[in-house]
């Protein structure tokens, strides 16, 4: 199932001003995160993001598309283990983020594990 089907018009508006490769990368990331059990997504145009909540853990993460990259922000990212060193933002109080760029490797398995851990540490 296409996760974006539930809010496709809002998502299209969110990525419309951005380069096509950023839109495609954003869509891939939103589909991956949205496919995780118990998560629901919502476009937040004011934040320029797609936010994901879990039924028990609450706000877990958000996808932020930018002109040259896409960031996956974890609300409680400081609590996550990061053996691969993918997360940035060590200077943030509680969150950390993963920066993705078009053409670079897409660490699908690592992202899925980080999202699952982000749910588990708050559930």
PDB file of N, CA and C in Angstrom:
ATOM      1  N   UNK A   1       0.840  -1.187   0.000  1.00  0.00           N
ATOM      2  CA  UNK A   1       0.000   0.000   0.000  1.00  0.00           C
ATOM      3  C   UNK A   1       0.881   1.246   0.000  1.00  0.00           C
ATOM      4  N   UNK A   2       0.492   2.220  -0.803  1.00  0.00           N
ATOM      5  CA  UNK A   2       1.208   3.487  -0.857  1.00  0.00           C
ATOM      6  C   UNK A   2       0.805   4.319   0.359  1.00  0.00           C
ATOM      7  N   UNK A   3       1.756   4.508   1.252  1.00  0.00           N
ATOM      8  CA  UNK A   3       1.497   5.247   2.481  1.00  0.00           C
ATOM      9  C   UNK A   3       1.035   6.662   2.180  1.00  0.00           C
ATOM     10  N   UNK A   4       1.544   7.236   1.107  1.00  0.00           N
ATOM     11  CA  UNK A   4       1.228   8.622   0.781  1.00  0.00           C
ATOM     12  C   UNK A   4      -0.183   8.809   0.260  1.00  0.00           C
ATOM     13  N   UNK A   5      -0.872   7.741  -0.079  1.00  0.00           N
ATOM     14  CA  UNK A   5      -2.224   7.869  -0.618  1.00  0.00           C
ATOM     15  C   UNK A   5      -3.137   8.624   0.331  1.00  0.00           C
ATOM     16  N   UNK A   6      -2.906   8.502   1.635  1.00  0.00           N
ATOM     17  CA  UNK A   6      -3.773   9.155   2.613  1.00  0.00           C
ATOM     18  C   UNK A   6      -3.602  10.677   2.645  1.00  0.00           C
ATOM     19  N   UNK A   7      -2.457  11.185   2.174  1.00  0.00           N
ATOM     20  CA  UNK A   7      -2.244  12.637   2.194  1.00  0.00           C
ATOM     21  C   UNK A   7      -1.453  13.102   0.974  1.00  0.00           C
ATOM     22  N   UNK A   8      -1.720  12.498  -0.168  1.00  0.00           N
ATOM     23  CA  UNK A   8      -0.940  12.745  -1.377  1.00  0.00           C
ATOM     24  C   UNK A   8      -1.000  14.195  -1.833  1.00  0.00           C
ATOM     25  N   UNK A   9      -2.152  14.833  -1.766  1.00  0.00           N
ATOM     26  CA  UNK A   9      -2.266  16.221  -2.224  1.00  0.00           C
ATOM     27  C   UNK A   9      -1.405  17.153  -1.378  1.00  0.00           C
ATOM     28  N   UNK A  10      -1.436  16.968  -0.072  1.00  0.00           N
ATOM     29  CA  UNK A  10      -0.619  17.810   0.803  1.00  0.00           C
ATOM     30  C   UNK A  10       0.866  17.542   0.576  1.00  0.00           C
ATOM     31  N   UNK A  11       1.226  16.278   0.393  1.00  0.00           N
ATOM     32  CA  UNK A  11       2.618  15.932   0.162  1.00  0.00           C
ATOM     33  C   UNK A  11       3.100  16.529  -1.154  1.00  0.00           C
ATOM     34  N   UNK A  12       2.274  16.455  -2.177  1.00  0.00           N
ATOM     35  CA  UNK A  12       2.631  17.037  -3.475  1.00  0.00           C
ATOM     36  C   UNK A  12       2.907  18.529  -3.327  1.00  0.00           C
ATOM     37  N   UNK A  13       2.090  19.211  -2.532  1.00  0.00           N
ATOM     38  CA  UNK A  13       2.320  20.627  -2.282  1.00  0.00           C
ATOM     39  C   UNK A  13       3.608  20.888  -1.526  1.00  0.00           C
ATOM     40  N   UNK A  14       3.945  19.992  -0.622  1.00  0.00           N
ATOM     41  CA  UNK A  14       5.158  20.134   0.170  1.00  0.00           C
ATOM     42  C   UNK A  14       6.417  20.037  -0.693  1.00  0.00           C
ATOM     43  N   UNK A  15       6.433  19.077  -1.611  1.00  0.00           N
ATOM     44  CA  UNK A  15       7.643  18.860  -2.406  1.00  0.00           C
ATOM     45  C   UNK A  15       7.634  19.604  -3.745  1.00  0.00           C
ATOM     46  N   UNK A  16       6.518  20.225  -4.115  1.00  0.00           N
ATOM     47  CA  UNK A  16       6.402  20.897  -5.418  1.00  0.00           C
ATOM     48  C   UNK A  16       7.527  21.895  -5.708  1.00  0.00           C
ATOM     49  N   UNK A  17       7.918  22.733  -4.763  1.00  0.00           N
ATOM     50  CA  UNK A  17       8.972  23.710  -5.088  1.00  0.00           C
ATOM     51  C   UNK A  17      10.386  23.130  -5.087  1.00  0.00           C
ATOM     52  N   UNK A  18      10.527  21.879  -4.748  1.00  0.00           N
ATOM     53  CA  UNK A  18      11.850  21.267  -4.605  1.00  0.00           C
ATOM     54  C   UNK A  18      12.254  20.504  -5.867  1.00  0.00           C
ATOM     55  N   UNK A  19      13.561  20.264  -6.059  1.00  0.00           N
ATOM     56  CA  UNK A  19      13.998  19.473  -7.219  1.00  0.00           C
ATOM     57  C   UNK A  19      13.352  18.087  -7.228  1.00  0.00           C
ATOM     58  N   UNK A  20      13.192  17.558  -8.427  1.00  0.00           N
ATOM     59  CA  UNK A  20      12.522  16.264  -8.603  1.00  0.00           C
ATOM     60  C   UNK A  20      13.221  15.145  -7.829  1.00  0.00           C
ATOM     61  N   UNK A  21      14.554  15.141  -7.800  1.00  0.00           N
ATOM     62  CA  UNK A  21      15.264  14.066  -7.106  1.00  0.00           C
ATOM     63  C   UNK A  21      15.058  14.135  -5.591  1.00  0.00           C
ATOM     64  N   UNK A  22      14.840  15.323  -5.059  1.00  0.00           N
ATOM     65  CA  UNK A  22      14.525  15.481  -3.635  1.00  0.00           C
ATOM     66  C   UNK A  22      13.112  14.964  -3.366  1.00  0.00           C
ATOM     67  N   UNK A  23      12.188  15.249  -4.273  1.00  0.00           N
ATOM     68  CA  UNK A  23      10.833  14.735  -4.131  1.00  0.00           C
ATOM     69  C   UNK A  23      10.808  13.214  -4.140  1.00  0.00           C
ATOM     70  N   UNK A  24      11.562  12.603  -5.054  1.00  0.00           N
ATOM     71  CA  UNK A  24      11.604  11.142  -5.136  1.00  0.00           C
ATOM     72  C   UNK A  24      12.229  10.540  -3.883  1.00  0.00           C
ATOM     73  N   UNK A  25      13.299  11.148  -3.394  1.00  0.00           N
ATOM     74  CA  UNK A  25      13.949  10.656  -2.176  1.00  0.00           C
ATOM     75  C   UNK A  25      13.022  10.809  -0.973  1.00  0.00           C
ATOM     76  N   UNK A  26      12.316  11.925  -0.908  1.00  0.00           N
ATOM     77  CA  UNK A  26      11.357  12.159   0.177  1.00  0.00           C
ATOM     78  C   UNK A  26      10.247  11.118   0.153  1.00  0.00           C
ATOM     79  N   UNK A  27       9.744  10.852  -1.028  1.00  0.00           N
ATOM     80  CA  UNK A  27       8.668   9.852  -1.185  1.00  0.00           C
ATOM     81  C   UNK A  27       9.150   8.471  -0.743  1.00  0.00           C
ATOM     82  N   UNK A  28      10.341   8.116  -1.126  1.00  0.00           N
ATOM     83  CA  UNK A  28      10.890   6.800  -0.739  1.00  0.00           C
ATOM     84  C   UNK A  28      11.022   6.696   0.776  1.00  0.00           C
ATOM     85  N   UNK A  29      11.515   7.753   1.401  1.00  0.00           N
ATOM     86  CA  UNK A  29      11.687   7.738   2.846  1.00  0.00           C
ATOM     87  C   UNK A  29      10.345   7.712   3.573  1.00  0.00           C
ATOM     88  N   UNK A  30       9.395   8.509   3.119  1.00  0.00           N
ATOM     89  CA  UNK A  30       8.068   8.529   3.742  1.00  0.00           C
ATOM     90  C   UNK A  30       7.393   7.178   3.600  1.00  0.00           C
ATOM     91  N   UNK A  31       7.520   6.555   2.430  1.00  0.00           N
ATOM     92  CA  UNK A  31       6.930   5.225   2.238  1.00  0.00           C
ATOM     93  C   UNK A  31       7.543   4.204   3.192  1.00  0.00           C
ATOM     94  N   UNK A  32       8.866   4.254   3.357  1.00  0.00           N
ATOM     95  CA  UNK A  32       9.543   3.315   4.252  1.00  0.00           C
ATOM     96  C   UNK A  32       9.104   3.518   5.695  1.00  0.00           C
ATOM     97  N   UNK A  33       9.177   4.743   6.173  1.00  0.00           N
ATOM     98  CA  UNK A  33       8.817   5.014   7.569  1.00  0.00           C
ATOM     99  C   UNK A  33       7.337   4.725   7.803  1.00  0.00           C
ATOM    100  N   UNK A  34       6.502   5.131   6.880  1.00  0.00           N
ATOM    101  CA  UNK A  34       5.065   4.930   7.025  1.00  0.00           C
ATOM    102  C   UNK A  34       4.638   3.480   6.987  1.00  0.00           C
ATOM    103  N   UNK A  35       5.495   2.603   6.462  1.00  0.00           N
ATOM    104  CA  UNK A  35       5.140   1.181   6.393  1.00  0.00           C
ATOM    105  C   UNK A  35       5.387   0.464   7.722  1.00  0.00           C
ATOM    106  N   UNK A  36       5.992   1.136   8.663  1.00  0.00           N
ATOM    107  CA  UNK A  36       6.297   0.509   9.958  1.00  0.00           C
ATOM    108  C   UNK A  36       5.013   0.398  10.787  1.00  0.00           C
ATOM    109  N   UNK A  37       4.861  -0.698  11.458  1.00  0.00           N
ATOM    110  CA  UNK A  37       3.652  -1.008  12.220  1.00  0.00           C
ATOM    111  C   UNK A  37       3.368   0.024  13.310  1.00  0.00           C
ATOM    112  N   UNK A  38       2.130   0.468  13.362  1.00  0.00           N
ATOM    113  CA  UNK A  38       1.688   1.371  14.417  1.00  0.00           C
ATOM    114  C   UNK A  38       1.927   2.837  14.148  1.00  0.00           C
ATOM    115  N   UNK A  39       2.581   3.173  13.036  1.00  0.00           N
ATOM    116  CA  UNK A  39       2.860   4.576  12.729  1.00  0.00           C
ATOM    117  C   UNK A  39       1.806   5.144  11.789  1.00  0.00           C
ATOM    118  N   UNK A  40       1.480   6.397  12.009  1.00  0.00           N
ATOM    119  CA  UNK A  40       0.628   7.123  11.069  1.00  0.00           C
ATOM    120  C   UNK A  40       1.303   8.450  10.770  1.00  0.00           C
ATOM    121  N   UNK A  41       1.158   8.901   9.539  1.00  0.00           N
ATOM    122  CA  UNK A  41       1.826  10.119   9.115  1.00  0.00           C
ATOM    123  C   UNK A  41       0.856  11.235   8.820  1.00  0.00           C
ATOM    124  N   UNK A  42       1.363  12.461   8.896  1.00  0.00           N
ATOM    125  CA  UNK A  42       0.579  13.642   8.562  1.00  0.00           C
ATOM    126  C   UNK A  42       1.513  14.722   8.037  1.00  0.00           C
ATOM    127  N   UNK A  43       1.109  15.345   6.950  1.00  0.00           N
ATOM    128  CA  UNK A  43       1.882  16.453   6.408  1.00  0.00           C
ATOM    129  C   UNK A  43       1.615  17.680   7.275  1.00  0.00           C
ATOM    130  N   UNK A  44       2.668  18.362   7.642  1.00  0.00           N
ATOM    131  CA  UNK A  44       2.588  19.599   8.416  1.00  0.00           C
ATOM    132  C   UNK A  44       3.209  20.693   7.565  1.00  0.00           C
ATOM    133  N   UNK A  45       2.368  21.391   6.802  1.00  0.00           N
ATOM    134  CA  UNK A  45       2.871  22.393   5.869  1.00  0.00           C
ATOM    135  C   UNK A  45       3.602  23.519   6.591  1.00  0.00           C
ATOM    136  N   UNK A  46       3.157  23.903   7.772  1.00  0.00           N
ATOM    137  CA  UNK A  46       3.829  24.954   8.535  1.00  0.00           C
ATOM    138  C   UNK A  46       5.249  24.573   8.920  1.00  0.00           C
ATOM    139  N   UNK A  47       5.454  23.309   9.202  1.00  0.00           N
ATOM    140  CA  UNK A  47       6.783  22.799   9.548  1.00  0.00           C
ATOM    141  C   UNK A  47       7.552  22.346   8.317  1.00  0.00           C
ATOM    142  N   UNK A  48       6.838  22.242   7.174  1.00  0.00           N
ATOM    143  CA  UNK A  48       7.408  21.717   5.922  1.00  0.00           C
ATOM    144  C   UNK A  48       7.962  20.313   6.145  1.00  0.00           C
ATOM    145  N   UNK A  49       7.106  19.459   6.720  1.00  0.00           N
ATOM    146  CA  UNK A  49       7.538  18.106   7.068  1.00  0.00           C
ATOM    147  C   UNK A  49       6.385  17.117   6.984  1.00  0.00           C
ATOM    148  N   UNK A  50       6.751  15.847   7.074  1.00  0.00           N
ATOM    149  CA  UNK A  50       5.771  14.768   7.263  1.00  0.00           C
ATOM    150  C   UNK A  50       6.116  14.175   8.622  1.00  0.00           C
ATOM    151  N   UNK A  51       5.197  14.289   9.568  1.00  0.00           N
ATOM    152  CA  UNK A  51       5.423  13.835  10.942  1.00  0.00           C
ATOM    153  C   UNK A  51       4.777  12.476  11.160  1.00  0.00           C
ATOM    154  N   UNK A  52       5.460  11.643  11.937  1.00  0.00           N
ATOM    155  CA  UNK A  52       4.967  10.291  12.211  1.00  0.00           C
ATOM    156  C   UNK A  52       4.766  10.088  13.700  1.00  0.00           C
ATOM    157  N   UNK A  53       3.592   9.574  14.019  1.00  0.00           N
ATOM    158  CA  UNK A  53       3.227   9.261  15.402  1.00  0.00           C
ATOM    159  C   UNK A  53       2.975   7.767  15.517  1.00  0.00           C
ATOM    160  N   UNK A  54       3.242   7.272  16.714  1.00  0.00           N
ATOM    161  CA  UNK A  54       2.967   5.878  17.035  1.00  0.00           C
ATOM    162  C   UNK A  54       1.827   5.865  18.045  1.00  0.00           C
ATOM    163  N   UNK A  55       0.999   4.827  17.981  1.00  0.00           N
ATOM    164  CA  UNK A  55      -0.177   4.756  18.850  1.00  0.00           C
ATOM    165  C   UNK A  55       0.180   4.773  20.331  1.00  0.00           C
ATOM    166  N   UNK A  56       1.337   4.251  20.699  1.00  0.00           N
ATOM    167  CA  UNK A  56       1.767   4.228  22.099  1.00  0.00           C
ATOM    168  C   UNK A  56       2.896   5.222  22.365  1.00  0.00           C
ATOM    169  N   UNK A  57       3.880   5.270  21.475  1.00  0.00           N
ATOM    170  CA  UNK A  57       5.088   6.071  21.698  1.00  0.00           C
ATOM    171  C   UNK A  57       4.921   7.559  21.418  1.00  0.00           C
ATOM    172  N   UNK A  58       3.827   7.947  20.769  1.00  0.00           N
ATOM    173  CA  UNK A  58       3.622   9.356  20.437  1.00  0.00           C
ATOM    174  C   UNK A  58       4.459   9.765  19.233  1.00  0.00           C
ATOM    175  N   UNK A  59       4.855  11.046  19.196  1.00  0.00           N
ATOM    176  CA  UNK A  59       5.642  11.553  18.063  1.00  0.00           C
ATOM    177  C   UNK A  59       7.003  10.857  18.046  1.00  0.00           C
ATOM    178  N   UNK A  60       7.311  10.213  16.924  1.00  0.00           N
ATOM    179  CA  UNK A  60       8.532   9.428  16.806  1.00  0.00           C
ATOM    180  C   UNK A  60       9.565  10.130  15.925  1.00  0.00           C
ATOM    181  N   UNK A  61       9.133  10.557  14.737  1.00  0.00           N
ATOM    182  CA  UNK A  61      10.086  11.135  13.797  1.00  0.00           C
ATOM    183  C   UNK A  61       9.369  11.990  12.764  1.00  0.00           C
ATOM    184  N   UNK A  62      10.163  12.691  11.962  1.00  0.00           N
ATOM    185  CA  UNK A  62       9.614  13.529  10.902  1.00  0.00           C
ATOM    186  C   UNK A  62      10.586  13.566   9.737  1.00  0.00           C
ATOM    187  N   UNK A  63      10.024  13.641   8.532  1.00  0.00           N
ATOM    188  CA  UNK A  63      10.805  13.757   7.310  1.00  0.00           C
ATOM    189  C   UNK A  63      10.754  15.219   6.872  1.00  0.00           C
ATOM    190  N   UNK A  64      11.934  15.822   6.708  1.00  0.00           N
ATOM    191  CA  UNK A  64      12.063  17.213   6.289  1.00  0.00           C
ATOM    192  C   UNK A  64      12.780  17.277   4.948  1.00  0.00           C
ATOM    193  N   UNK A  65      12.052  17.551   3.850  1.00  0.00           N
ATOM    194  CA  UNK A  65      12.726  17.720   2.560  1.00  0.00           C
ATOM    195  C   UNK A  65      13.266  19.155   2.431  1.00  0.00           C
ATOM    196  N   UNK A  66      14.512  19.262   2.020  1.00  0.00           N
ATOM    197  CA  UNK A  66      15.159  20.553   1.779  1.00  0.00           C
ATOM    198  C   UNK A  66      15.564  20.621   0.311  1.00  0.00           C
ATOM    199  N   UNK A  67      16.076  21.727  -0.105  1.00  0.00           N
ATOM    200  CA  UNK A  67      16.487  21.938  -1.493  1.00  0.00           C
ATOM    201  C   UNK A  67      17.543  20.923  -1.961  1.00  0.00           C
ATOM    202  N   UNK A  68      18.457  20.532  -1.069  1.00  0.00           N
ATOM    203  CA  UNK A  68      19.573  19.679  -1.470  1.00  0.00           C
ATOM    204  C   UNK A  68      19.685  18.360  -0.711  1.00  0.00           C
ATOM    205  N   UNK A  69      18.745  18.115   0.202  1.00  0.00           N
ATOM    206  CA  UNK A  69      18.826  16.918   1.035  1.00  0.00           C
ATOM    207  C   UNK A  69      17.459  16.624   1.647  1.00  0.00           C
ATOM    208  N   UNK A  70      17.361  15.459   2.280  1.00  0.00           N
ATOM    209  CA  UNK A  70      16.177  15.091   3.051  1.00  0.00           C
ATOM    210  C   UNK A  70      16.674  14.648   4.413  1.00  0.00           C
ATOM    211  N   UNK A  71      16.063  15.156   5.463  1.00  0.00           N
ATOM    212  CA  UNK A  71      16.471  14.793   6.821  1.00  0.00           C
ATOM    213  C   UNK A  71      15.358  13.984   7.481  1.00  0.00           C
ATOM    214  N   UNK A  72      15.764  12.956   8.197  1.00  0.00           N
ATOM    215  CA  UNK A  72      14.846  12.184   9.032  1.00  0.00           C
ATOM    216  C   UNK A  72      15.196  12.526  10.469  1.00  0.00           C
ATOM    217  N   UNK A  73      14.331  13.301  11.103  1.00  0.00           N
ATOM    218  CA  UNK A  73      14.565  13.775  12.463  1.00  0.00           C
ATOM    219  C   UNK A  73      13.882  12.837  13.452  1.00  0.00           C
ATOM    220  N   UNK A  74      14.644  12.390  14.448  1.00  0.00           N
ATOM    221  CA  UNK A  74      14.101  11.543  15.500  1.00  0.00           C
ATOM    222  C   UNK A  74      13.893  12.391  16.744  1.00  0.00           C
ATOM    223  N   UNK A  75      12.664  12.456  17.200  1.00  0.00           N
ATOM    224  CA  UNK A  75      12.294  13.297  18.344  1.00  0.00           C
ATOM    225  C   UNK A  75      13.138  13.000  19.580  1.00  0.00           C
ATOM    226  N   UNK A  76      13.396  11.746  19.840  1.00  0.00           N
ATOM    227  CA  UNK A  76      14.207  11.345  20.995  1.00  0.00           C
ATOM    228  C   UNK A  76      15.475  10.629  20.512  1.00  0.00           C
ATOM    229  N   UNK A  77      16.099  11.198  19.535  1.00  0.00           N
ATOM    230  CA  UNK A  77      17.263  10.601  18.901  1.00  0.00           C
ATOM    231  C   UNK A  77      18.459  10.412  19.812  1.00  0.00           C
ATOM    232  N   UNK A  78      18.552  11.207  20.876  1.00  0.00           N
ATOM    233  CA  UNK A  78      19.669  11.049  21.819  1.00  0.00           C
ATOM    234  C   UNK A  78      19.599   9.711  22.544  1.00  0.00           C
ATOM    235  N   UNK A  79      18.419   9.085  22.568  1.00  0.00           N
ATOM    236  CA  UNK A  79      18.256   7.798  23.234  1.00  0.00           C
ATOM    237  C   UNK A  79      18.603   6.610  22.331  1.00  0.00           C
ATOM    238  N   UNK A  80      18.844   6.883  21.051  1.00  0.00           N
ATOM    239  CA  UNK A  80      19.060   5.802  20.084  1.00  0.00           C
ATOM    240  C   UNK A  80      20.527   5.398  20.015  1.00  0.00           C
ATOM    241  N   UNK A  81      20.746   4.106  19.875  1.00  0.00           N
ATOM    242  CA  UNK A  81      22.085   3.615  19.586  1.00  0.00           C
ATOM    243  C   UNK A  81      22.346   3.897  18.111  1.00  0.00           C
ATOM    244  N   UNK A  82      23.571   4.197  17.793  1.00  0.00           N
ATOM    245  CA  UNK A  82      23.915   4.529  16.414  1.00  0.00           C
ATOM    246  C   UNK A  82      25.265   3.921  16.054  1.00  0.00           C
ATOM    247  N   UNK A  83      25.346   2.580  15.992  1.00  0.00           N
ATOM    248  CA  UNK A  83      26.633   1.932  15.760  1.00  0.00           C
ATOM    249  C   UNK A  83      27.254   2.277  14.405  1.00  0.00           C
ATOM    250  N   UNK A  84      26.437   2.665  13.434  1.00  0.00           N
ATOM    251  CA  UNK A  84      26.961   3.000  12.109  1.00  0.00           C
ATOM    252  C   UNK A  84      27.351   4.469  11.996  1.00  0.00           C
ATOM    253  N   UNK A  85      27.039   5.262  13.015  1.00  0.00           N
ATOM    254  CA  UNK A  85      27.373   6.685  12.985  1.00  0.00           C
ATOM    255  C   UNK A  85      26.589   7.469  11.953  1.00  0.00           C
ATOM    256  N   UNK A  86      25.339   7.097  11.731  1.00  0.00           N
ATOM    257  CA  UNK A  86      24.505   7.763  10.736  1.00  0.00           C
ATOM    258  C   UNK A  86      23.849   9.044  11.249  1.00  0.00           C
ATOM    259  N   UNK A  87      23.658   9.140  12.552  1.00  0.00           N
ATOM    260  CA  UNK A  87      22.910  10.261  13.116  1.00  0.00           C
ATOM    261  C   UNK A  87      23.809  11.459  13.395  1.00  0.00           C
ATOM    262  N   UNK A  88      23.267  12.628  13.113  1.00  0.00           N
ATOM    263  CA  UNK A  88      23.931  13.896  13.381  1.00  0.00           C
ATOM    264  C   UNK A  88      23.122  14.654  14.421  1.00  0.00           C
ATOM    265  N   UNK A  89      23.679  15.733  14.905  1.00  0.00           N
ATOM    266  CA  UNK A  89      22.957  16.566  15.856  1.00  0.00           C
ATOM    267  C   UNK A  89      23.289  16.278  17.294  1.00  0.00           C
ATOM    268  N   UNK A  90      24.506  15.863  17.559  1.00  0.00           N
ATOM    269  CA  UNK A  90      24.928  15.564  18.918  1.00  0.00           C
ATOM    270  C   UNK A  90      24.820  16.756  19.855  1.00  0.00           C
ATOM    271  N   UNK A  91      24.719  17.952  19.286  1.00  0.00           N
ATOM    272  CA  UNK A  91      24.589  19.153  20.101  1.00  0.00           C
ATOM    273  C   UNK A  91      23.127  19.499  20.428  1.00  0.00           C
ATOM    274  N   UNK A  92      22.193  18.739  19.919  1.00  0.00           N
ATOM    275  CA  UNK A  92      20.778  18.982  20.199  1.00  0.00           C
ATOM    276  C   UNK A  92      20.405  18.400  21.555  1.00  0.00           C
ATOM    277  N   UNK A  93      19.398  18.991  22.196  1.00  0.00           N
ATOM    278  CA  UNK A  93      18.994  18.536  23.534  1.00  0.00           C
ATOM    279  C   UNK A  93      18.501  17.102  23.557  1.00  0.00           C
ATOM    280  N   UNK A  94      17.558  16.777  22.661  1.00  0.00           N
ATOM    281  CA  UNK A  94      16.999  15.420  22.709  1.00  0.00           C
ATOM    282  C   UNK A  94      16.919  14.740  21.350  1.00  0.00           C
ATOM    283  N   UNK A  95      16.884  15.492  20.291  1.00  0.00           N
ATOM    284  CA  UNK A  95      16.725  14.903  18.967  1.00  0.00           C
ATOM    285  C   UNK A  95      18.041  14.740  18.238  1.00  0.00           C
ATOM    286  N   UNK A  96      18.012  13.890  17.219  1.00  0.00           N
ATOM    287  CA  UNK A  96      19.113  13.754  16.274  1.00  0.00           C
ATOM    288  C   UNK A  96      18.493  13.459  14.915  1.00  0.00           C
ATOM    289  N   UNK A  97      19.288  13.580  13.872  1.00  0.00           N
ATOM    290  CA  UNK A  97      18.738  13.410  12.531  1.00  0.00           C
ATOM    291  C   UNK A  97      19.706  12.663  11.623  1.00  0.00           C
ATOM    292  N   UNK A  98      19.116  12.083  10.599  1.00  0.00           N
ATOM    293  CA  UNK A  98      19.835  11.377   9.548  1.00  0.00           C
ATOM    294  C   UNK A  98      19.695  12.210   8.290  1.00  0.00           C
ATOM    295  N   UNK A  99      20.800  12.537   7.668  1.00  0.00           N
ATOM    296  CA  UNK A  99      20.796  13.363   6.457  1.00  0.00           C
ATOM    297  C   UNK A  99      20.976  12.456   5.238  1.00  0.00           C
ATOM    298  N   UNK A 100      20.058  12.547   4.282  1.00  0.00           N
ATOM    299  CA  UNK A 100      20.115  11.766   3.047  1.00  0.00           C
ATOM    300  C   UNK A 100      20.247  12.713   1.857  1.00  0.00           C
ATOM    301  N   UNK A 101      21.062  12.307   0.897  1.00  0.00           N
ATOM    302  CA  UNK A 101      21.255  13.115  -0.310  1.00  0.00           C
ATOM    303  C   UNK A 101      20.964  12.264  -1.544  1.00  0.00           C
ATOM    304  N   UNK A 102      20.400  12.891  -2.583  1.00  0.00           N
ATOM    305  CA  UNK A 102      20.151  12.155  -3.822  1.00  0.00           C
ATOM    306  C   UNK A 102      21.449  11.562  -4.370  1.00  0.00           C
ATOM    307  N   UNK A 103      21.369  10.353  -4.860  1.00  0.00           N
ATOM    308  CA  UNK A 103      22.524   9.697  -5.443  1.00  0.00           C
ATOM    309  C   UNK A 103      23.401   8.951  -4.444  1.00  0.00           C
ATOM    310  N   UNK A 104      23.243   9.260  -3.167  1.00  0.00           N
ATOM    311  CA  UNK A 104      24.011   8.561  -2.136  1.00  0.00           C
ATOM    312  C   UNK A 104      23.277   7.271  -1.764  1.00  0.00           C
ATOM    313  N   UNK A 105      23.976   6.387  -1.077  1.00  0.00           N
ATOM    314  CA  UNK A 105      23.353   5.140  -0.631  1.00  0.00           C
ATOM    315  C   UNK A 105      22.136   5.444   0.244  1.00  0.00           C
ATOM    316  N   UNK A 106      21.113   4.628   0.099  1.00  0.00           N
ATOM    317  CA  UNK A 106      19.899   4.746   0.907  1.00  0.00           C
ATOM    318  C   UNK A 106      19.921   3.579   1.887  1.00  0.00           C
ATOM    319  N   UNK A 107      20.290   3.822   3.146  1.00  0.00           N
ATOM    320  CA  UNK A 107      20.453   2.731   4.118  1.00  0.00           C
ATOM    321  C   UNK A 107      19.111   2.243   4.674  1.00  0.00           C
ATOM    322  N   UNK A 108      18.349   1.598   3.829  1.00  0.00           N
ATOM    323  CA  UNK A 108      16.980   1.194   4.165  1.00  0.00           C
ATOM    324  C   UNK A 108      16.904   0.369   5.451  1.00  0.00           C
ATOM    325  N   UNK A 109      17.753  -0.632   5.566  1.00  0.00           N
ATOM    326  CA  UNK A 109      17.725  -1.503   6.744  1.00  0.00           C
ATOM    327  C   UNK A 109      18.076  -0.710   8.004  1.00  0.00           C
ATOM    328  N   UNK A 110      19.070   0.142   7.926  1.00  0.00           N
ATOM    329  CA  UNK A 110      19.481   0.949   9.076  1.00  0.00           C
ATOM    330  C   UNK A 110      18.383   1.925   9.486  1.00  0.00           C
ATOM    331  N   UNK A 111      17.717   2.514   8.500  1.00  0.00           N
ATOM    332  CA  UNK A 111      16.615   3.430   8.805  1.00  0.00           C
ATOM    333  C   UNK A 111      15.505   2.677   9.512  1.00  0.00           C
ATOM    334  N   UNK A 112      15.141   1.509   8.988  1.00  0.00           N
ATOM    335  CA  UNK A 112      14.079   0.706   9.607  1.00  0.00           C
ATOM    336  C   UNK A 112      14.438   0.353  11.048  1.00  0.00           C
ATOM    337  N   UNK A 113      15.690  -0.001  11.289  1.00  0.00           N
ATOM    338  CA  UNK A 113      16.115  -0.337  12.653  1.00  0.00           C
ATOM    339  C   UNK A 113      16.062   0.884  13.571  1.00  0.00           C
ATOM    340  N   UNK A 114      16.484   2.037  13.070  1.00  0.00           N
ATOM    341  CA  UNK A 114      16.436   3.257  13.889  1.00  0.00           C
ATOM    342  C   UNK A 114      14.992   3.633  14.229  1.00  0.00           C
ATOM    343  N   UNK A 115      14.099   3.527  13.260  1.00  0.00           N
ATOM    344  CA  UNK A 115      12.692   3.842  13.517  1.00  0.00           C
ATOM    345  C   UNK A 115      12.104   2.857  14.531  1.00  0.00           C
ATOM    346  N   UNK A 116      12.404   1.577  14.355  1.00  0.00           N
ATOM    347  CA  UNK A 116      11.904   0.571  15.301  1.00  0.00           C
ATOM    348  C   UNK A 116      12.428   0.852  16.717  1.00  0.00           C
ATOM    349  N   UNK A 117      13.696   1.213  16.828  1.00  0.00           N
ATOM    350  CA  UNK A 117      14.262   1.533  18.134  1.00  0.00           C
ATOM    351  C   UNK A 117      13.629   2.799  18.718  1.00  0.00           C
ATOM    352  N   UNK A 118      13.386   3.786  17.847  1.00  0.00           N
ATOM    353  CA  UNK A 118      12.755   5.036  18.299  1.00  0.00           C
ATOM    354  C   UNK A 118      11.363   4.767  18.872  1.00  0.00           C
ATOM    355  N   UNK A 119      10.660   3.826  18.293  1.00  0.00           N
ATOM    356  CA  UNK A 119       9.355   3.443  18.834  1.00  0.00           C
ATOM    357  C   UNK A 119       9.533   2.713  20.162  1.00  0.00           C
ATOM    358  N   UNK A 120      10.460   1.778  20.188  1.00  0.00           N
ATOM    359  CA  UNK A 120      10.660   0.943  21.376  1.00  0.00           C
ATOM    360  C   UNK A 120      11.093   1.736  22.600  1.00  0.00           C
ATOM    361  N   UNK A 121      11.940   2.738  22.424  1.00  0.00           N
ATOM    362  CA  UNK A 121      12.429   3.492  23.599  1.00  0.00           C
ATOM    363  C   UNK A 121      11.361   4.382  24.218  1.00  0.00           C
ATOM    364  N   UNK A 122      10.270   4.605  23.474  1.00  0.00           N
ATOM    365  CA  UNK A 122       9.197   5.466  23.981  1.00  0.00           C
ATOM    366  C   UNK A 122       7.917   4.700  24.298  1.00  0.00           C
ATOM    367  N   UNK A 123       7.831   3.451  23.856  1.00  0.00           N
ATOM    368  CA  UNK A 123       6.587   2.680  24.043  1.00  0.00           C
ATOM    369  C   UNK A 123       6.529   2.070  25.440  1.00  0.00           C
TER     370      UNK A 123
END
